[in-house]
PDB file of N, CA and C in Angstrom:
ATOM      1  N   MET A   1       0.832  -1.188   0.000  1.00  0.00           N
ATOM      2  CA  MET A   1       0.000   0.000   0.000  1.00  0.00           C
ATOM      3  C   MET A   1       0.884   1.262   0.000  1.00  0.00           C
ATOM      4  N   ARG A   2       1.971   1.183   0.751  1.00  0.00           N
ATOM      5  CA  ARG A   2       2.847   2.333   0.868  1.00  0.00           C
ATOM      6  C   ARG A   2       3.520   2.657  -0.473  1.00  0.00           C
ATOM      7  N   SER A   3       3.928   1.633  -1.213  1.00  0.00           N
ATOM      8  CA  SER A   3       4.582   1.864  -2.500  1.00  0.00           C
ATOM      9  C   SER A   3       3.593   2.444  -3.514  1.00  0.00           C
ATOM     10  N   MET A   4       2.332   2.054  -3.405  1.00  0.00           N
ATOM     11  CA  MET A   4       1.319   2.622  -4.303  1.00  0.00           C
ATOM     12  C   MET A   4       1.116   4.106  -4.014  1.00  0.00           C
ATOM     13  N   MET A   5       1.085   4.478  -2.755  1.00  0.00           N
ATOM     14  CA  MET A   5       0.936   5.886  -2.384  1.00  0.00           C
ATOM     15  C   MET A   5       2.140   6.696  -2.847  1.00  0.00           C
ATOM     16  N   GLU A   6       3.344   6.133  -2.705  1.00  0.00           N
ATOM     17  CA  GLU A   6       4.550   6.818  -3.162  1.00  0.00           C
ATOM     18  C   GLU A   6       4.538   6.971  -4.676  1.00  0.00           C
ATOM     19  N   GLY A   7       4.059   5.946  -5.372  1.00  0.00           N
ATOM     20  CA  GLY A   7       3.944   6.013  -6.828  1.00  0.00           C
ATOM     21  C   GLY A   7       2.961   7.099  -7.259  1.00  0.00           C
ATOM     22  N   LEU A   8       1.841   7.211  -6.554  1.00  0.00           N
ATOM     23  CA  LEU A   8       0.856   8.253  -6.866  1.00  0.00           C
ATOM     24  C   LEU A   8       1.426   9.648  -6.595  1.00  0.00           C
ATOM     25  N   LYS A   9       2.163   9.784  -5.511  1.00  0.00           N
ATOM     26  CA  LYS A   9       2.772  11.078  -5.188  1.00  0.00           C
ATOM     27  C   LYS A   9       3.792  11.480  -6.246  1.00  0.00           C
ATOM     28  N   SER A  10       4.622  10.520  -6.677  1.00  0.00           N
ATOM     29  CA  SER A  10       5.623  10.857  -7.692  1.00  0.00           C
ATOM     30  C   SER A  10       4.942  11.156  -9.027  1.00  0.00           C
ATOM     31  N   PHE A  11       3.856  10.452  -9.343  1.00  0.00           N
ATOM     32  CA  PHE A  11       3.109  10.732 -10.568  1.00  0.00           C
ATOM     33  C   PHE A  11       2.510  12.137 -10.516  1.00  0.00           C
ATOM     34  N   TRP A  12       1.997  12.518  -9.355  1.00  0.00           N
ATOM     35  CA  TRP A  12       1.375  13.837  -9.198  1.00  0.00           C
ATOM     36  C   TRP A  12       2.408  14.955  -9.336  1.00  0.00           C
ATOM     37  N   LYS A  13       3.624  14.730  -8.826  1.00  0.00           N
ATOM     38  CA  LYS A  13       4.664  15.756  -8.867  1.00  0.00           C
ATOM     39  C   LYS A  13       5.377  15.815 -10.208  1.00  0.00           C
ATOM     40  N   GLU A  14       5.310  14.767 -11.007  1.00  0.00           N
ATOM     41  CA  GLU A  14       5.970  14.734 -12.298  1.00  0.00           C
ATOM     42  C   GLU A  14       5.258  15.685 -13.261  1.00  0.00           C
ATOM     43  N   GLU A  15       6.033  16.503 -13.968  1.00  0.00           N
ATOM     44  CA  GLU A  15       5.454  17.521 -14.833  1.00  0.00           C
ATOM     45  C   GLU A  15       5.604  17.201 -16.316  1.00  0.00           C
ATOM     46  N   ASP A  16       6.069  16.037 -16.689  1.00  0.00           N
ATOM     47  CA  ASP A  16       6.257  15.687 -18.094  1.00  0.00           C
ATOM     48  C   ASP A  16       4.930  15.617 -18.847  1.00  0.00           C
ATOM     49  N   GLY A  17       3.913  15.081 -18.225  1.00  0.00           N
ATOM     50  CA  GLY A  17       2.623  14.933 -18.896  1.00  0.00           C
ATOM     51  C   GLY A  17       1.698  16.111 -18.694  1.00  0.00           C
ATOM     52  N   LEU A  18       2.200  17.193 -18.156  1.00  0.00           N
ATOM     53  CA  LEU A  18       1.338  18.334 -17.859  1.00  0.00           C
ATOM     54  C   LEU A  18       0.766  18.947 -19.115  1.00  0.00           C
ATOM     55  N   GLY A  19       1.517  19.020 -20.194  1.00  0.00           N
ATOM     56  CA  GLY A  19       0.999  19.587 -21.443  1.00  0.00           C
ATOM     57  C   GLY A  19      -0.157  18.777 -21.985  1.00  0.00           C
ATOM     58  N   THR A  20      -0.059  17.463 -21.908  1.00  0.00           N
ATOM     59  CA  THR A  20      -1.126  16.586 -22.372  1.00  0.00           C
ATOM     60  C   THR A  20      -2.377  16.790 -21.536  1.00  0.00           C
ATOM     61  N   LEU A  21      -2.222  16.903 -20.248  1.00  0.00           N
ATOM     62  CA  LEU A  21      -3.365  17.111 -19.367  1.00  0.00           C
ATOM     63  C   LEU A  21      -4.049  18.440 -19.679  1.00  0.00           C
ATOM     64  N   GLU A  22      -3.280  19.469 -19.904  1.00  0.00           N
ATOM     65  CA  GLU A  22      -3.865  20.771 -20.231  1.00  0.00           C
ATOM     66  C   GLU A  22      -4.639  20.720 -21.537  1.00  0.00           C
ATOM     67  N   ILE A  23      -4.081  20.038 -22.532  1.00  0.00           N
ATOM     68  CA  ILE A  23      -4.766  19.897 -23.816  1.00  0.00           C
ATOM     69  C   ILE A  23      -6.073  19.138 -23.636  1.00  0.00           C
ATOM     70  N   LEU A  24      -6.053  18.065 -22.867  1.00  0.00           N
ATOM     71  CA  LEU A  24      -7.266  17.289 -22.631  1.00  0.00           C
ATOM     72  C   LEU A  24      -8.325  18.103 -21.905  1.00  0.00           C
ATOM     73  N   LEU A  25      -7.917  18.929 -20.949  1.00  0.00           N
ATOM     74  CA  LEU A  25      -8.876  19.776 -20.245  1.00  0.00           C
ATOM     75  C   LEU A  25      -9.484  20.819 -21.173  1.00  0.00           C
ATOM     76  N   ILE A  26      -8.684  21.408 -22.044  1.00  0.00           N
ATOM     77  CA  ILE A  26      -9.194  22.389 -23.003  1.00  0.00           C
ATOM     78  C   ILE A  26     -10.180  21.733 -23.952  1.00  0.00           C
ATOM     79  N   VAL A  27      -9.851  20.549 -24.455  1.00  0.00           N
ATOM     80  CA  VAL A  27     -10.756  19.830 -25.352  1.00  0.00           C
ATOM     81  C   VAL A  27     -12.051  19.481 -24.633  1.00  0.00           C
ATOM     82  N   ALA A  28     -11.960  19.062 -23.392  1.00  0.00           N
ATOM     83  CA  ALA A  28     -13.158  18.718 -22.623  1.00  0.00           C
ATOM     84  C   ALA A  28     -14.059  19.935 -22.440  1.00  0.00           C
ATOM     85  N   VAL A  29     -13.483  21.086 -22.163  1.00  0.00           N
ATOM     86  CA  VAL A  29     -14.275  22.306 -22.012  1.00  0.00           C
ATOM     87  C   VAL A  29     -14.929  22.689 -23.335  1.00  0.00           C
ATOM     88  N   LEU A  30     -14.187  22.586 -24.443  1.00  0.00           N
ATOM     89  CA  LEU A  30     -14.762  22.898 -25.749  1.00  0.00           C
ATOM     90  C   LEU A  30     -15.898  21.951 -26.110  1.00  0.00           C
ATOM     91  N   VAL A  31     -15.748  20.678 -25.803  1.00  0.00           N
ATOM     92  CA  VAL A  31     -16.814  19.711 -26.070  1.00  0.00           C
ATOM     93  C   VAL A  31     -18.038  20.022 -25.211  1.00  0.00           C
ATOM     94  N   ALA A  32     -17.815  20.372 -23.960  1.00  0.00           N
ATOM     95  CA  ALA A  32     -18.933  20.717 -23.082  1.00  0.00           C
ATOM     96  C   ALA A  32     -19.673  21.947 -23.605  1.00  0.00           C
ATOM     97  N   ILE A  33     -18.949  22.958 -24.053  1.00  0.00           N
ATOM     98  CA  ILE A  33     -19.578  24.158 -24.605  1.00  0.00           C
ATOM     99  C   ILE A  33     -20.357  23.810 -25.866  1.00  0.00           C
ATOM    100  N   ALA A  34     -19.781  22.966 -26.718  1.00  0.00           N
ATOM    101  CA  ALA A  34     -20.467  22.559 -27.946  1.00  0.00           C
ATOM    102  C   ALA A  34     -21.748  21.798 -27.635  1.00  0.00           C
ATOM    103  N   ILE A  35     -21.729  20.960 -26.607  1.00  0.00           N
ATOM    104  CA  ILE A  35     -22.922  20.211 -26.229  1.00  0.00           C
ATOM    105  C   ILE A  35     -23.981  21.148 -25.662  1.00  0.00           C
ATOM    106  N   ILE A  36     -23.572  22.096 -24.857  1.00  0.00           N
ATOM    107  CA  ILE A  36     -24.522  23.025 -24.246  1.00  0.00           C
ATOM    108  C   ILE A  36     -25.193  23.895 -25.301  1.00  0.00           C
ATOM    109  N   PHE A  37     -24.420  24.394 -26.258  1.00  0.00           N
ATOM    110  CA  PHE A  37     -24.951  25.316 -27.256  1.00  0.00           C
ATOM    111  C   PHE A  37     -25.201  24.653 -28.610  1.00  0.00           C
ATOM    112  N   ARG A  38     -25.369  23.336 -28.645  1.00  0.00           N
ATOM    113  CA  ARG A  38     -25.471  22.633 -29.922  1.00  0.00           C
ATOM    114  C   ARG A  38     -26.668  23.078 -30.749  1.00  0.00           C
ATOM    115  N   LYS A  39     -27.821  23.322 -30.136  1.00  0.00           N
ATOM    116  CA  LYS A  39     -28.992  23.753 -30.905  1.00  0.00           C
ATOM    117  C   LYS A  39     -28.734  25.113 -31.545  1.00  0.00           C
ATOM    118  N   TRP A  40     -28.138  26.018 -30.812  1.00  0.00           N
ATOM    119  CA  TRP A  40     -27.843  27.341 -31.364  1.00  0.00           C
ATOM    120  C   TRP A  40     -26.810  27.239 -32.475  1.00  0.00           C
ATOM    121  N   ILE A  41     -25.790  26.430 -32.286  1.00  0.00           N
ATOM    122  CA  ILE A  41     -24.733  26.271 -33.291  1.00  0.00           C
ATOM    123  C   ILE A  41     -25.307  25.656 -34.559  1.00  0.00           C
ATOM    124  N   VAL A  42     -26.144  24.620 -34.422  1.00  0.00           N
ATOM    125  CA  VAL A  42     -26.729  23.964 -35.592  1.00  0.00           C
ATOM    126  C   VAL A  42     -27.638  24.922 -36.342  1.00  0.00           C
ATOM    127  N   SER A  43     -28.478  25.674 -35.637  1.00  0.00           N
ATOM    128  CA  SER A  43     -29.374  26.614 -36.318  1.00  0.00           C
ATOM    129  C   SER A  43     -28.579  27.729 -36.990  1.00  0.00           C
ATOM    130  N   TRP A  44     -27.524  28.220 -36.365  1.00  0.00           N
ATOM    131  CA  TRP A  44     -26.683  29.249 -36.974  1.00  0.00           C
ATOM    132  C   TRP A  44     -26.022  28.730 -38.237  1.00  0.00           C
ATOM    133  N   PHE A  45     -25.512  27.492 -38.189  1.00  0.00           N
ATOM    134  CA  PHE A  45     -24.843  26.907 -39.341  1.00  0.00           C
ATOM    135  C   PHE A  45     -25.834  26.678 -40.485  1.00  0.00           C
ATOM    136  N   GLN A  46     -27.036  26.192 -40.165  1.00  0.00           N
ATOM    137  CA  GLN A  46     -28.045  25.981 -41.202  1.00  0.00           C
ATOM    138  C   GLN A  46     -28.462  27.300 -41.834  1.00  0.00           C
ATOM    139  N   LYS A  47     -28.595  28.341 -41.038  1.00  0.00           N
ATOM    140  CA  LYS A  47     -28.939  29.653 -41.581  1.00  0.00           C
ATOM    141  C   LYS A  47     -27.813  30.165 -42.479  1.00  0.00           C
ATOM    142  N   LEU A  48     -26.581  29.976 -42.064  1.00  0.00           N
ATOM    143  CA  LEU A  48     -25.426  30.402 -42.842  1.00  0.00           C
ATOM    144  C   LEU A  48     -25.390  29.692 -44.192  1.00  0.00           C
ATOM    145  N   ILE A  49     -25.575  28.387 -44.177  1.00  0.00           N
ATOM    146  CA  ILE A  49     -25.575  27.618 -45.421  1.00  0.00           C
ATOM    147  C   ILE A  49     -26.780  27.982 -46.275  1.00  0.00           C
ATOM    148  N   GLY A  50     -27.937  28.176 -45.661  1.00  0.00           N
ATOM    149  CA  GLY A  50     -29.136  28.557 -46.408  1.00  0.00           C
ATOM    150  C   GLY A  50     -28.974  29.911 -47.076  1.00  0.00           C
ATOM    151  N   ASP A  51     -28.391  30.877 -46.370  1.00  0.00           N
ATOM    152  CA  ASP A  51     -28.151  32.202 -46.952  1.00  0.00           C
ATOM    153  C   ASP A  51     -27.173  32.119 -48.116  1.00  0.00           C
ATOM    154  N   ALA A  52     -26.133  31.328 -47.956  1.00  0.00           N
ATOM    155  CA  ALA A  52     -25.156  31.184 -49.034  1.00  0.00           C
ATOM    156  C   ALA A  52     -25.800  30.509 -50.242  1.00  0.00           C
ATOM    157  N   ASN A  53     -26.635  29.530 -50.001  1.00  0.00           N
ATOM    158  CA  ASN A  53     -27.293  28.820 -51.085  1.00  0.00           C
ATOM    159  C   ASN A  53     -28.255  29.745 -51.836  1.00  0.00           C
ATOM    160  N   SER A  54     -29.019  30.551 -51.100  1.00  0.00           N
ATOM    161  CA  SER A  54     -29.945  31.468 -51.769  1.00  0.00           C
ATOM    162  C   SER A  54     -29.190  32.550 -52.541  1.00  0.00           C
ATOM    163  N   ASP A  55     -28.060  33.001 -52.017  1.00  0.00           N
ATOM    164  CA  ASP A  55     -27.242  33.976 -52.738  1.00  0.00           C
ATOM    165  C   ASP A  55     -26.697  33.375 -54.032  1.00  0.00           C
ATOM    166  N   LEU A  56     -26.305  32.119 -53.982  1.00  0.00           N
ATOM    167  CA  LEU A  56     -25.804  31.465 -55.191  1.00  0.00           C
ATOM    168  C   LEU A  56     -26.911  31.310 -56.225  1.00  0.00           C
ATOM    169  N   LYS A  57     -28.121  30.984 -55.783  1.00  0.00           N
ATOM    170  CA  LYS A  57     -29.241  30.841 -56.713  1.00  0.00           C
ATOM    171  C   LYS A  57     -29.581  32.187 -57.346  1.00  0.00           C
ATOM    172  N   ASP A  58     -29.562  33.260 -56.542  1.00  0.00           N
ATOM    173  CA  ASP A  58     -29.861  34.593 -57.062  1.00  0.00           C
ATOM    174  C   ASP A  58     -28.815  35.050 -58.065  1.00  0.00           C
ATOM    175  N   ASN A  59     -27.559  34.762 -57.804  1.00  0.00           N
ATOM    176  CA  ASN A  59     -26.472  35.210 -58.676  1.00  0.00           C
ATOM    177  C   ASN A  59     -26.339  34.360 -59.933  1.00  0.00           C
ATOM    178  N   SER A  60     -26.931  33.169 -59.933  1.00  0.00           N
ATOM    179  CA  SER A  60     -26.806  32.314 -61.110  1.00  0.00           C
ATOM    180  C   SER A  60     -27.681  32.815 -62.250  1.00  0.00           C
ATOM    181  N   LYS A  61     -28.660  33.679 -61.971  1.00  0.00           N
ATOM    182  CA  LYS A  61     -29.551  34.217 -63.000  1.00  0.00           C
ATOM    183  C   LYS A  61     -28.882  35.343 -63.780  1.00  0.00           C
ATOM    184  N   VAL A  62     -27.876  35.957 -63.216  1.00  0.00           N
ATOM    185  CA  VAL A  62     -27.199  37.081 -63.845  1.00  0.00           C
ATOM    186  C   VAL A  62     -26.121  36.553 -64.775  1.00  0.00           C
ATOM    187  N   ALA A  63     -26.121  37.038 -65.993  1.00  0.00           N
ATOM    188  CA  ALA A  63     -25.100  36.600 -66.945  1.00  0.00           C
ATOM    189  C   ALA A  63     -23.752  37.165 -66.535  1.00  0.00           C
ATOM    190  N   PRO A  64     -22.689  36.393 -66.675  1.00  0.00           N
ATOM    191  CA  PRO A  64     -21.369  36.911 -66.320  1.00  0.00           C
ATOM    192  C   PRO A  64     -20.958  38.024 -67.276  1.00  0.00           C
ATOM    193  N   CYS A  65     -20.213  38.937 -66.768  1.00  0.00           N
ATOM    194  CA  CYS A  65     -19.789  40.083 -67.562  1.00  0.00           C
ATOM    195  C   CYS A  65     -18.272  40.081 -67.659  1.00  0.00           C
ATOM    196  N   ALA A  66     -17.784  40.225 -68.852  1.00  0.00           N
ATOM    197  CA  ALA A  66     -16.340  40.336 -69.078  1.00  0.00           C
ATOM    198  C   ALA A  66     -16.091  41.662 -69.763  1.00  0.00           C
ATOM    199  N   PRO A  67     -15.696  42.668 -69.021  1.00  0.00           N
ATOM    200  CA  PRO A  67     -15.498  43.974 -69.647  1.00  0.00           C
ATOM    201  C   PRO A  67     -14.351  43.974 -70.649  1.00  0.00           C
ATOM    202  N   SER A  68     -14.524  44.763 -71.662  1.00  0.00           N
ATOM    203  CA  SER A  68     -13.474  44.935 -72.674  1.00  0.00           C
ATOM    204  C   SER A  68     -13.322  46.425 -72.940  1.00  0.00           C
ATOM    205  N   PRO A  69     -12.378  46.820 -73.746  1.00  0.00           N
ATOM    206  CA  PRO A  69     -12.212  48.254 -73.996  1.00  0.00           C
ATOM    207  C   PRO A  69     -13.441  48.908 -74.658  1.00  0.00           C
ATOM    208  N   THR A  70     -14.237  48.120 -75.346  1.00  0.00           N
ATOM    209  CA  THR A  70     -15.402  48.688 -76.041  1.00  0.00           C
ATOM    210  C   THR A  70     -16.701  48.519 -75.288  1.00  0.00           C
ATOM    211  N   THR A  71     -16.735  47.629 -74.276  1.00  0.00           N
ATOM    212  CA  THR A  71     -17.972  47.414 -73.500  1.00  0.00           C
ATOM    213  C   THR A  71     -17.681  47.610 -72.020  1.00  0.00           C
ATOM    214  N   SER A  72     -18.747  47.867 -71.270  1.00  0.00           N
ATOM    215  CA  SER A  72     -18.617  47.978 -69.823  1.00  0.00           C
ATOM    216  C   SER A  72     -19.632  47.067 -69.174  1.00  0.00           C
ATOM    217  N   CYS A  73     -19.447  46.768 -67.928  1.00  0.00           N
ATOM    218  CA  CYS A  73     -20.352  45.894 -67.196  1.00  0.00           C
ATOM    219  C   CYS A  73     -21.320  46.698 -66.356  1.00  0.00           C
ATOM    220  N   ALA A  74     -21.367  47.981 -66.484  1.00  0.00           N
ATOM    221  CA  ALA A  74     -22.261  48.815 -65.698  1.00  0.00           C
ATOM    222  C   ALA A  74     -23.701  48.527 -66.078  1.00  0.00           C
ATOM    223  N   PRO A  75     -24.602  48.460 -65.122  1.00  0.00           N
ATOM    224  CA  PRO A  75     -26.010  48.198 -65.428  1.00  0.00           C
ATOM    225  C   PRO A  75     -26.693  49.338 -66.128  1.00  0.00           C
TER     226      PRO A  75
END
């Protein structure tokens, strides 16, 4: 029992794995935030994609314009 306690103490004091632990804690916090706000994030993303899709549909009706020295693209 005593050697196990000493092993735990030395593991706790060892700082080699500290970077890994910090990364895991940051990832855990980000996952928790994503889970908490998932409905808002999904609705925001769907709105973003929907707006981009409607903009693409609107712009596809306009003929492309290639200006030259004799023509202009002004409406």
